[in-house]
Protein backbone atom coordinates (compact mmCIF):
# COMPACT_ATOMS: atom_id res chain seq x y z
CA MET A 1 -111.74 -149.48 -124.94
CA GLY A 2 -111.60 -149.70 -128.73
CA VAL A 3 -110.43 -152.56 -130.87
CA PHE A 4 -107.20 -150.80 -131.83
CA GLN A 5 -106.38 -150.06 -128.19
CA ILE A 6 -106.85 -153.73 -127.31
CA LEU A 7 -104.64 -154.77 -130.24
CA MET A 8 -101.91 -152.31 -129.26
CA LYS A 9 -102.06 -153.51 -125.66
CA ASN A 10 -101.93 -157.20 -126.66
CA LYS A 11 -99.71 -157.28 -129.75
CA GLU A 12 -99.92 -161.07 -130.04
CA LEU A 13 -103.56 -160.71 -131.14
CA ILE A 14 -102.68 -158.70 -134.29
CA PRO A 15 -102.01 -161.76 -136.54
CA LEU A 16 -105.13 -163.47 -135.24
CA ALA A 17 -107.27 -160.42 -135.98
CA PHE A 18 -105.69 -160.14 -139.44
CA PHE A 19 -106.39 -163.75 -140.42
CA ILE A 20 -109.94 -163.64 -139.05
CA SER A 21 -110.70 -160.48 -141.03
CA VAL A 22 -109.20 -161.97 -144.22
CA ALA A 23 -111.26 -165.15 -143.76
CA ALA A 24 -114.46 -163.19 -143.13
CA THR A 25 -113.84 -161.02 -146.20
CA GLY A 26 -113.17 -164.08 -148.35
CA ALA A 27 -116.28 -165.89 -147.13
CA THR A 28 -118.46 -162.85 -147.73
CA SER A 29 -117.08 -162.22 -151.20
CA PHE A 30 -117.50 -165.87 -152.21
CA ALA A 31 -121.08 -165.89 -150.91
CA LEU A 32 -121.87 -162.80 -152.99
CA TYR A 33 -120.16 -164.38 -156.01
CA ALA A 34 -122.15 -167.59 -155.60
CA LEU A 35 -125.45 -165.72 -155.32
CA LYS A 36 -124.82 -164.01 -158.66
CA LYS A 37 -124.53 -167.32 -160.51
CA THR A 38 -127.48 -168.42 -162.65
CA ASP A 39 -127.87 -171.84 -161.04
CA VAL A 40 -128.81 -170.32 -157.66
CA VAL A 41 -132.58 -169.96 -157.17
CA ILE A 42 -133.67 -167.51 -154.50
CA ASP A 43 -137.33 -167.07 -155.49
CA ARG A 44 -138.93 -170.27 -156.81
CA LYS A 45 -142.43 -168.83 -157.15
CA ARG A 46 -141.62 -166.20 -159.79
CA ASN A 47 -139.26 -168.44 -161.75
CA PRO A 48 -140.27 -172.12 -161.39
CA GLU A 49 -137.97 -173.29 -164.24
CA PRO A 50 -134.65 -171.45 -163.77
CA TRP A 51 -132.69 -173.83 -166.01
CA GLU A 52 -134.29 -172.21 -169.07
CA MET A 53 -132.56 -168.91 -168.24
CA VAL A 54 -129.02 -170.38 -168.32
CA ASP A 55 -126.81 -169.02 -171.10
CA PRO A 56 -125.08 -172.00 -172.80
CA THR A 57 -122.18 -169.83 -173.99
CA GLN A 58 -121.25 -168.73 -170.46
CA PRO A 59 -119.25 -171.24 -168.35
CA GLN A 60 -121.03 -172.21 -165.14
CA LYS A 61 -118.02 -173.50 -163.21
CA LEU A 62 -115.66 -171.51 -161.03
CA ILE A 63 -112.62 -172.85 -162.90
CA THR A 64 -112.62 -174.71 -166.22
CA ILE A 65 -109.33 -176.40 -167.11
CA ASN A 66 -108.63 -177.67 -170.65
CA GLN A 67 -112.20 -177.43 -171.90
CA GLN A 68 -112.39 -178.63 -175.49
CA TRP A 69 -115.53 -178.74 -177.63
CA LYS A 70 -115.39 -181.45 -180.26
């Protein structure tokens, strides 16, 4: 029995399956986004000082609100 057959047989599970798939997609996409940031160190042996590779012109936060340089 496939997933779609189970969902069509038990229609009350359709919203649950939808929200679980949206949550799993969001968690996976945020994990991939976080791994691309420069402050994440995966291999310490090849790059022992990762803070020297950070670009000061690129914001490091997810959201920056009202940032003013004075």
